[in-house]
Amino acid sequence: NEGKTTTVSNLAITMALGGSRVLLVDGDLRRGGV
């Protein structure tokens, strides 16, 4: 509940909007919510 998943998703979107090829991987294999 730190806002980690939302933060990492928005970071990936922002990096992609900057023209980079980005792969967002949900590494929380227990309760990931990407």
PDB file of all heavy atoms in Angstrom:
ATOM      1  N   ASN A   1       0.815  -1.223   0.000  1.00  0.00           N
ATOM      2  CA  ASN A   1       0.000   0.000   0.000  1.00  0.00           C
ATOM      3  C   ASN A   1       0.843   1.265   0.000  1.00  0.00           C
ATOM      4  O   ASN A   1       0.442   2.283   0.568  1.00  0.00           O
ATOM      5  CB  ASN A   1      -0.962   0.014   1.199  1.00  0.00           C
ATOM      6  CG  ASN A   1      -1.915  -1.160   1.200  1.00  0.00           C
ATOM      7  OD1 ASN A   1      -2.397  -1.576   0.138  1.00  0.00           O
ATOM      8  ND2 ASN A   1      -2.175  -1.715   2.385  1.00  0.00           N
ATOM      9  N   GLU A   2       1.998   1.235  -0.623  1.00  0.00           N
ATOM     10  CA  GLU A   2       2.838   2.427  -0.757  1.00  0.00           C
ATOM     11  C   GLU A   2       2.586   3.158  -2.071  1.00  0.00           C
ATOM     12  O   GLU A   2       3.186   4.199  -2.315  1.00  0.00           O
ATOM     13  CB  GLU A   2       4.327   2.037  -0.683  1.00  0.00           C
ATOM     14  CG  GLU A   2       4.737   1.373   0.611  1.00  0.00           C
ATOM     15  CD  GLU A   2       4.743   2.342   1.769  1.00  0.00           C
ATOM     16  OE1 GLU A   2       5.370   3.407   1.650  1.00  0.00           O
ATOM     17  OE2 GLU A   2       4.097   2.051   2.783  1.00  0.00           O
ATOM     18  N   GLY A   3       1.737   2.588  -2.961  1.00  0.00           N
ATOM     19  CA  GLY A   3       1.526   3.173  -4.281  1.00  0.00           C
ATOM     20  C   GLY A   3       2.596   2.759  -5.271  1.00  0.00           C
ATOM     21  O   GLY A   3       2.813   3.442  -6.280  1.00  0.00           O
ATOM     22  N   LYS A   4       3.243   1.651  -4.992  1.00  0.00           N
ATOM     23  CA  LYS A   4       4.371   1.195  -5.818  1.00  0.00           C
ATOM     24  C   LYS A   4       3.925   0.805  -7.228  1.00  0.00           C
ATOM     25  O   LYS A   4       4.538   1.202  -8.230  1.00  0.00           O
ATOM     26  CB  LYS A   4       5.040   0.028  -5.102  1.00  0.00           C
ATOM     27  CG  LYS A   4       5.994  -0.793  -5.915  1.00  0.00           C
ATOM     28  CD  LYS A   4       6.582  -1.900  -5.094  1.00  0.00           C
ATOM     29  CE  LYS A   4       5.518  -2.763  -4.452  1.00  0.00           C
ATOM     30  NZ  LYS A   4       4.696  -3.477  -5.463  1.00  0.00           N
ATOM     31  N   THR A   5       2.828   0.028  -7.350  1.00  0.00           N
ATOM     32  CA  THR A   5       2.391  -0.465  -8.664  1.00  0.00           C
ATOM     33  C   THR A   5       1.943   0.685  -9.552  1.00  0.00           C
ATOM     34  O   THR A   5       2.279   0.737 -10.749  1.00  0.00           O
ATOM     35  CB  THR A   5       1.251  -1.478  -8.473  1.00  0.00           C
ATOM     36  OG1 THR A   5       1.717  -2.556  -7.662  1.00  0.00           O
ATOM     37  CG2 THR A   5       0.790  -2.019  -9.809  1.00  0.00           C
ATOM     38  N   THR A   6       1.192   1.637  -8.989  1.00  0.00           N
ATOM     39  CA  THR A   6       0.771   2.796  -9.780  1.00  0.00           C
ATOM     40  C   THR A   6       1.973   3.625 -10.211  1.00  0.00           C
ATOM     41  O   THR A   6       2.049   4.112 -11.347  1.00  0.00           O
ATOM     42  CB  THR A   6      -0.195   3.658  -8.961  1.00  0.00           C
ATOM     43  OG1 THR A   6      -1.303   2.864  -8.548  1.00  0.00           O
ATOM     44  CG2 THR A   6      -0.702   4.827  -9.774  1.00  0.00           C
ATOM     45  N   THR A   7       2.916   3.774  -9.312  1.00  0.00           N
ATOM     46  CA  THR A   7       4.108   4.564  -9.631  1.00  0.00           C
ATOM     47  C   THR A   7       4.917   3.919 -10.748  1.00  0.00           C
ATOM     48  O   THR A   7       5.356   4.591 -11.693  1.00  0.00           O
ATOM     49  CB  THR A   7       4.974   4.730  -8.367  1.00  0.00           C
ATOM     50  OG1 THR A   7       4.210   5.386  -7.360  1.00  0.00           O
ATOM     51  CG2 THR A   7       6.212   5.533  -8.662  1.00  0.00           C
ATOM     52  N   VAL A   8       5.144   2.620 -10.657  1.00  0.00           N
ATOM     53  CA  VAL A   8       5.952   1.950 -11.678  1.00  0.00           C
ATOM     54  C   VAL A   8       5.236   1.949 -13.018  1.00  0.00           C
ATOM     55  O   VAL A   8       5.863   2.064 -14.088  1.00  0.00           O
ATOM     56  CB  VAL A   8       6.322   0.527 -11.216  1.00  0.00           C
ATOM     57  CG1 VAL A   8       5.112  -0.385 -11.223  1.00  0.00           C
ATOM     58  CG2 VAL A   8       7.411  -0.063 -12.097  1.00  0.00           C
ATOM     59  N   SER A   9       3.899   1.833 -13.023  1.00  0.00           N
ATOM     60  CA  SER A   9       3.149   1.854 -14.282  1.00  0.00           C
ATOM     61  C   SER A   9       3.228   3.226 -14.939  1.00  0.00           C
ATOM     62  O   SER A   9       3.462   3.338 -16.153  1.00  0.00           O
ATOM     63  CB  SER A   9       1.690   1.475 -14.014  1.00  0.00           C
ATOM     64  OG  SER A   9       1.595   0.176 -13.451  1.00  0.00           O
ATOM     65  N   ASN A  10       3.028   4.301 -14.140  1.00  0.00           N
ATOM     66  CA  ASN A  10       3.116   5.645 -14.708  1.00  0.00           C
ATOM     67  C   ASN A  10       4.530   5.968 -15.169  1.00  0.00           C
ATOM     68  O   ASN A  10       4.718   6.683 -16.163  1.00  0.00           O
ATOM     69  CB  ASN A  10       2.661   6.668 -13.670  1.00  0.00           C
ATOM     70  CG  ASN A  10       1.161   6.672 -13.475  1.00  0.00           C
ATOM     71  OD1 ASN A  10       0.410   6.394 -14.414  1.00  0.00           O
ATOM     72  ND2 ASN A  10       0.719   6.972 -12.255  1.00  0.00           N
ATOM     73  N   LEU A  11       5.537   5.453 -14.462  1.00  0.00           N
ATOM     74  CA  LEU A  11       6.915   5.663 -14.898  1.00  0.00           C
ATOM     75  C   LEU A  11       7.154   4.999 -16.247  1.00  0.00           C
ATOM     76  O   LEU A  11       7.785   5.584 -17.151  1.00  0.00           O
ATOM     77  CB  LEU A  11       7.885   5.111 -13.843  1.00  0.00           C
ATOM     78  CG  LEU A  11       9.366   5.122 -14.221  1.00  0.00           C
ATOM     79  CD1 LEU A  11       9.846   6.550 -14.468  1.00  0.00           C
ATOM     80  CD2 LEU A  11      10.208   4.455 -13.130  1.00  0.00           C
ATOM     81  N   ALA A  12       6.644   3.773 -16.428  1.00  0.00           N
ATOM     82  CA  ALA A  12       6.822   3.086 -17.708  1.00  0.00           C
ATOM     83  C   ALA A  12       6.123   3.836 -18.827  1.00  0.00           C
ATOM     84  O   ALA A  12       6.664   3.974 -19.943  1.00  0.00           O
ATOM     85  CB  ALA A  12       6.285   1.669 -17.584  1.00  0.00           C
ATOM     86  N   ILE A  13       4.910   4.332 -18.565  1.00  0.00           N
ATOM     87  CA  ILE A  13       4.194   5.108 -19.588  1.00  0.00           C
ATOM     88  C   ILE A  13       4.977   6.355 -19.950  1.00  0.00           C
ATOM     89  O   ILE A  13       5.114   6.706 -21.131  1.00  0.00           O
ATOM     90  CB  ILE A  13       2.782   5.460 -19.080  1.00  0.00           C
ATOM     91  CG1 ILE A  13       1.944   4.194 -18.919  1.00  0.00           C
ATOM     92  CG2 ILE A  13       2.092   6.439 -20.015  1.00  0.00           C
ATOM     93  CD1 ILE A  13       0.605   4.425 -18.255  1.00  0.00           C
ATOM     94  N   THR A  14       5.495   7.053 -18.943  1.00  0.00           N
ATOM     95  CA  THR A  14       6.233   8.292 -19.204  1.00  0.00           C
ATOM     96  C   THR A  14       7.500   8.019 -20.001  1.00  0.00           C
ATOM     97  O   THR A  14       7.851   8.791 -20.915  1.00  0.00           O
ATOM     98  CB  THR A  14       6.588   8.969 -17.869  1.00  0.00           C
ATOM     99  OG1 THR A  14       5.403   9.143 -17.104  1.00  0.00           O
ATOM    100  CG2 THR A  14       7.215  10.322 -18.102  1.00  0.00           C
ATOM    101  N   MET A  15       8.209   6.949 -19.693  1.00  0.00           N
ATOM    102  CA  MET A  15       9.414   6.599 -20.447  1.00  0.00           C
ATOM    103  C   MET A  15       9.064   6.289 -21.903  1.00  0.00           C
ATOM    104  O   MET A  15       9.788   6.668 -22.830  1.00  0.00           O
ATOM    105  CB  MET A  15      10.098   5.402 -19.796  1.00  0.00           C
ATOM    106  CG  MET A  15      10.579   5.640 -18.373  1.00  0.00           C
ATOM    107  SD  MET A  15      11.961   6.767 -18.263  1.00  0.00           S
ATOM    108  CE  MET A  15      13.282   5.707 -18.798  1.00  0.00           C
ATOM    109  N   ALA A  16       7.920   5.583 -22.109  1.00  0.00           N
ATOM    110  CA  ALA A  16       7.504   5.269 -23.478  1.00  0.00           C
ATOM    111  C   ALA A  16       7.095   6.521 -24.228  1.00  0.00           C
ATOM    112  O   ALA A  16       7.391   6.666 -25.431  1.00  0.00           O
ATOM    113  CB  ALA A  16       6.358   4.266 -23.439  1.00  0.00           C
ATOM    114  N   LEU A  17       6.405   7.459 -23.540  1.00  0.00           N
ATOM    115  CA  LEU A  17       6.022   8.708 -24.196  1.00  0.00           C
ATOM    116  C   LEU A  17       7.236   9.538 -24.575  1.00  0.00           C
ATOM    117  O   LEU A  17       7.153  10.400 -25.464  1.00  0.00           O
ATOM    118  CB  LEU A  17       5.108   9.515 -23.266  1.00  0.00           C
ATOM    119  CG  LEU A  17       3.716   8.916 -22.996  1.00  0.00           C
ATOM    120  CD1 LEU A  17       2.955   9.776 -21.986  1.00  0.00           C
ATOM    121  CD2 LEU A  17       2.920   8.800 -24.297  1.00  0.00           C
ATOM    122  N   GLY A  18       8.351   9.277 -23.958  1.00  0.00           N
ATOM    123  CA  GLY A  18       9.582   9.973 -24.306  1.00  0.00           C
ATOM    124  C   GLY A  18      10.278   9.387 -25.517  1.00  0.00           C
ATOM    125  O   GLY A  18      11.369   9.856 -25.885  1.00  0.00           O
ATOM    126  N   GLY A  19       9.698   8.352 -26.124  1.00  0.00           N
ATOM    127  CA  GLY A  19      10.262   7.780 -27.337  1.00  0.00           C
ATOM    128  C   GLY A  19      11.070   6.527 -27.118  1.00  0.00           C
ATOM    129  O   GLY A  19      11.696   6.021 -28.066  1.00  0.00           O
ATOM    130  N   SER A  20      11.097   5.981 -25.937  1.00  0.00           N
ATOM    131  CA  SER A  20      11.868   4.769 -25.645  1.00  0.00           C
ATOM    132  C   SER A  20      10.981   3.544 -25.780  1.00  0.00           C
ATOM    133  O   SER A  20       9.757   3.606 -25.605  1.00  0.00           O
ATOM    134  CB  SER A  20      12.447   4.835 -24.225  1.00  0.00           C
ATOM    135  OG  SER A  20      13.269   5.953 -24.065  1.00  0.00           O
ATOM    136  N   ARG A  21      11.618   2.415 -26.107  1.00  0.00           N
ATOM    137  CA  ARG A  21      10.924   1.138 -26.131  1.00  0.00           C
ATOM    138  C   ARG A  21      11.031   0.566 -24.717  1.00  0.00           C
ATOM    139  O   ARG A  21      12.110   0.251 -24.229  1.00  0.00           O
ATOM    140  CB  ARG A  21      11.531   0.185 -27.161  1.00  0.00           C
ATOM    141  CG  ARG A  21      11.396   0.707 -28.604  1.00  0.00           C
ATOM    142  CD  ARG A  21      11.903  -0.341 -29.623  1.00  0.00           C
ATOM    143  NE  ARG A  21      10.987  -1.462 -29.739  1.00  0.00           N
ATOM    144  CZ  ARG A  21      11.224  -2.689 -29.260  1.00  0.00           C
ATOM    145  NH1 ARG A  21      12.363  -2.934 -28.628  1.00  0.00           N
ATOM    146  NH2 ARG A  21      10.342  -3.676 -29.406  1.00  0.00           N
ATOM    147  N   VAL A  22       9.853   0.378 -24.088  1.00  0.00           N
ATOM    148  CA  VAL A  22       9.819   0.033 -22.670  1.00  0.00           C
ATOM    149  C   VAL A  22       9.009  -1.237 -22.488  1.00  0.00           C
ATOM    150  O   VAL A  22       7.929  -1.404 -23.096  1.00  0.00           O
ATOM    151  CB  VAL A  22       9.199   1.170 -21.834  1.00  0.00           C
ATOM    152  CG1 VAL A  22       9.198   0.803 -20.363  1.00  0.00           C
ATOM    153  CG2 VAL A  22       9.947   2.477 -22.068  1.00  0.00           C
ATOM    154  N   LEU A  23       9.532  -2.117 -21.633  1.00  0.00           N
ATOM    155  CA  LEU A  23       8.810  -3.315 -21.229  1.00  0.00           C
ATOM    156  C   LEU A  23       8.540  -3.218 -19.732  1.00  0.00           C
ATOM    157  O   LEU A  23       9.465  -3.108 -18.926  1.00  0.00           O
ATOM    158  CB  LEU A  23       9.625  -4.577 -21.534  1.00  0.00           C
ATOM    159  CG  LEU A  23       8.996  -5.897 -21.044  1.00  0.00           C
ATOM    160  CD1 LEU A  23       7.651  -6.145 -21.721  1.00  0.00           C
ATOM    161  CD2 LEU A  23       9.954  -7.058 -21.268  1.00  0.00           C
ATOM    162  N   LEU A  24       7.244  -3.252 -19.374  1.00  0.00           N
ATOM    163  CA  LEU A  24       6.842  -3.218 -17.976  1.00  0.00           C
ATOM    164  C   LEU A  24       6.544  -4.643 -17.537  1.00  0.00           C
ATOM    165  O   LEU A  24       5.645  -5.292 -18.086  1.00  0.00           O
ATOM    166  CB  LEU A  24       5.609  -2.333 -17.784  1.00  0.00           C
ATOM    167  CG  LEU A  24       5.002  -2.316 -16.383  1.00  0.00           C
ATOM    168  CD1 LEU A  24       6.004  -1.828 -15.353  1.00  0.00           C
ATOM    169  CD2 LEU A  24       3.740  -1.445 -16.368  1.00  0.00           C
ATOM    170  N   VAL A  25       7.279  -5.148 -16.553  1.00  0.00           N
ATOM    171  CA  VAL A  25       7.152  -6.520 -16.088  1.00  0.00           C
ATOM    172  C   VAL A  25       6.602  -6.504 -14.664  1.00  0.00           C
ATOM    173  O   VAL A  25       7.135  -5.792 -13.789  1.00  0.00           O
ATOM    174  CB  VAL A  25       8.504  -7.255 -16.124  1.00  0.00           C
ATOM    175  CG1 VAL A  25       8.323  -8.703 -15.677  1.00  0.00           C
ATOM    176  CG2 VAL A  25       9.103  -7.192 -17.514  1.00  0.00           C
ATOM    177  N   ASP A  26       5.530  -7.271 -14.437  1.00  0.00           N
ATOM    178  CA  ASP A  26       4.960  -7.396 -13.089  1.00  0.00           C
ATOM    179  C   ASP A  26       5.751  -8.470 -12.345  1.00  0.00           C
ATOM    180  O   ASP A  26       5.515  -9.670 -12.526  1.00  0.00           O
ATOM    181  CB  ASP A  26       3.483  -7.768 -13.169  1.00  0.00           C
ATOM    182  CG  ASP A  26       2.797  -7.649 -11.812  1.00  0.00           C
ATOM    183  OD1 ASP A  26       3.524  -7.525 -10.795  1.00  0.00           O
ATOM    184  OD2 ASP A  26       1.555  -7.678 -11.752  1.00  0.00           O
ATOM    185  N   GLY A  27       6.739  -8.050 -11.526  1.00  0.00           N
ATOM    186  CA  GLY A  27       7.592  -8.982 -10.801  1.00  0.00           C
ATOM    187  C   GLY A  27       7.047  -9.390  -9.450  1.00  0.00           C
ATOM    188  O   GLY A  27       7.699 -10.160  -8.734  1.00  0.00           O
ATOM    189  N   ASP A  28       5.879  -8.869  -9.058  1.00  0.00           N
ATOM    190  CA  ASP A  28       5.249  -9.294  -7.809  1.00  0.00           C
ATOM    191  C   ASP A  28       4.434 -10.541  -8.110  1.00  0.00           C
ATOM    192  O   ASP A  28       3.248 -10.466  -8.494  1.00  0.00           O
ATOM    193  CB  ASP A  28       4.356  -8.178  -7.265  1.00  0.00           C
ATOM    194  CG  ASP A  28       3.811  -8.506  -5.889  1.00  0.00           C
ATOM    195  OD1 ASP A  28       4.047  -9.633  -5.404  1.00  0.00           O
ATOM    196  OD2 ASP A  28       3.154  -7.625  -5.300  1.00  0.00           O
ATOM    197  N   LEU A  29       5.080 -11.713  -8.010  1.00  0.00           N
ATOM    198  CA  LEU A  29       4.453 -12.968  -8.429  1.00  0.00           C
ATOM    199  C   LEU A  29       3.412 -13.465  -7.442  1.00  0.00           C
ATOM    200  O   LEU A  29       2.796 -14.514  -7.661  1.00  0.00           O
ATOM    201  CB  LEU A  29       5.534 -14.032  -8.627  1.00  0.00           C
ATOM    202  CG  LEU A  29       6.631 -13.676  -9.647  1.00  0.00           C
ATOM    203  CD1 LEU A  29       7.586 -14.833  -9.823  1.00  0.00           C
ATOM    204  CD2 LEU A  29       6.032 -13.257 -10.971  1.00  0.00           C
ATOM    205  N   ARG A  30       3.237 -12.760  -6.327  1.00  0.00           N
ATOM    206  CA  ARG A  30       2.261 -13.196  -5.336  1.00  0.00           C
ATOM    207  C   ARG A  30       0.954 -12.405  -5.469  1.00  0.00           C
ATOM    208  O   ARG A  30      -0.138 -12.979  -5.518  1.00  0.00           O
ATOM    209  CB  ARG A  30       2.827 -13.044  -3.926  1.00  0.00           C
ATOM    210  CG  ARG A  30       4.092 -13.877  -3.700  1.00  0.00           C
ATOM    211  CD  ARG A  30       4.710 -13.561  -2.345  1.00  0.00           C
ATOM    212  NE  ARG A  30       5.981 -14.243  -2.148  1.00  0.00           N
ATOM    213  CZ  ARG A  30       6.117 -15.444  -1.594  1.00  0.00           C
ATOM    214  NH1 ARG A  30       5.038 -16.097  -1.192  1.00  0.00           N
ATOM    215  NH2 ARG A  30       7.307 -15.992  -1.444  1.00  0.00           N
ATOM    216  N   ARG A  31       1.071 -11.046  -5.505  1.00  0.00           N
ATOM    217  CA  ARG A  31      -0.150 -10.231  -5.533  1.00  0.00           C
ATOM    218  C   ARG A  31      -0.024  -9.076  -6.521  1.00  0.00           C
ATOM    219  O   ARG A  31      -0.534  -7.988  -6.285  1.00  0.00           O
ATOM    220  CB  ARG A  31      -0.451  -9.684  -4.139  1.00  0.00           C
ATOM    221  CG  ARG A  31      -0.719 -10.770  -3.108  1.00  0.00           C
ATOM    222  CD  ARG A  31      -1.119 -10.166  -1.791  1.00  0.00           C
ATOM    223  NE  ARG A  31      -2.327  -9.377  -1.917  1.00  0.00           N
ATOM    224  CZ  ARG A  31      -2.881  -8.680  -0.924  1.00  0.00           C
ATOM    225  NH1 ARG A  31      -2.299  -8.679   0.258  1.00  0.00           N
ATOM    226  NH2 ARG A  31      -3.987  -7.994  -1.110  1.00  0.00           N
ATOM    227  N   GLY A  32       0.694  -9.295  -7.606  1.00  0.00           N
ATOM    228  CA  GLY A  32       0.885  -8.232  -8.581  1.00  0.00           C
ATOM    229  C   GLY A  32      -0.425  -7.772  -9.194  1.00  0.00           C
ATOM    230  O   GLY A  32      -1.330  -8.566  -9.444  1.00  0.00           O
ATOM    231  N   GLY A  33      -0.512  -6.471  -9.489  1.00  0.00           N
ATOM    232  CA  GLY A  33      -1.759  -5.926 -10.029  1.00  0.00           C
ATOM    233  C   GLY A  33      -1.559  -5.043 -11.225  1.00  0.00           C
ATOM    234  O   GLY A  33      -2.421  -4.202 -11.514  1.00  0.00           O
ATOM    235  N   VAL A  34      -0.443  -5.180 -11.957  1.00  0.00           N
ATOM    236  CA  VAL A  34      -0.212  -4.348 -13.135  1.00  0.00           C
ATOM    237  C   VAL A  34      -1.282  -4.616 -14.184  1.00  0.00           C
ATOM    238  O   VAL A  34      -1.762  -3.709 -14.879  1.00  0.00           O
ATOM    239  CB  VAL A  34       1.199  -4.610 -13.694  1.00  0.00           C
ATOM    240  CG1 VAL A  34       1.397  -3.893 -15.017  1.00  0.00           C
ATOM    241  CG2 VAL A  34       2.250  -4.181 -12.682  1.00  0.00           C
TER     242      VAL A  34
END
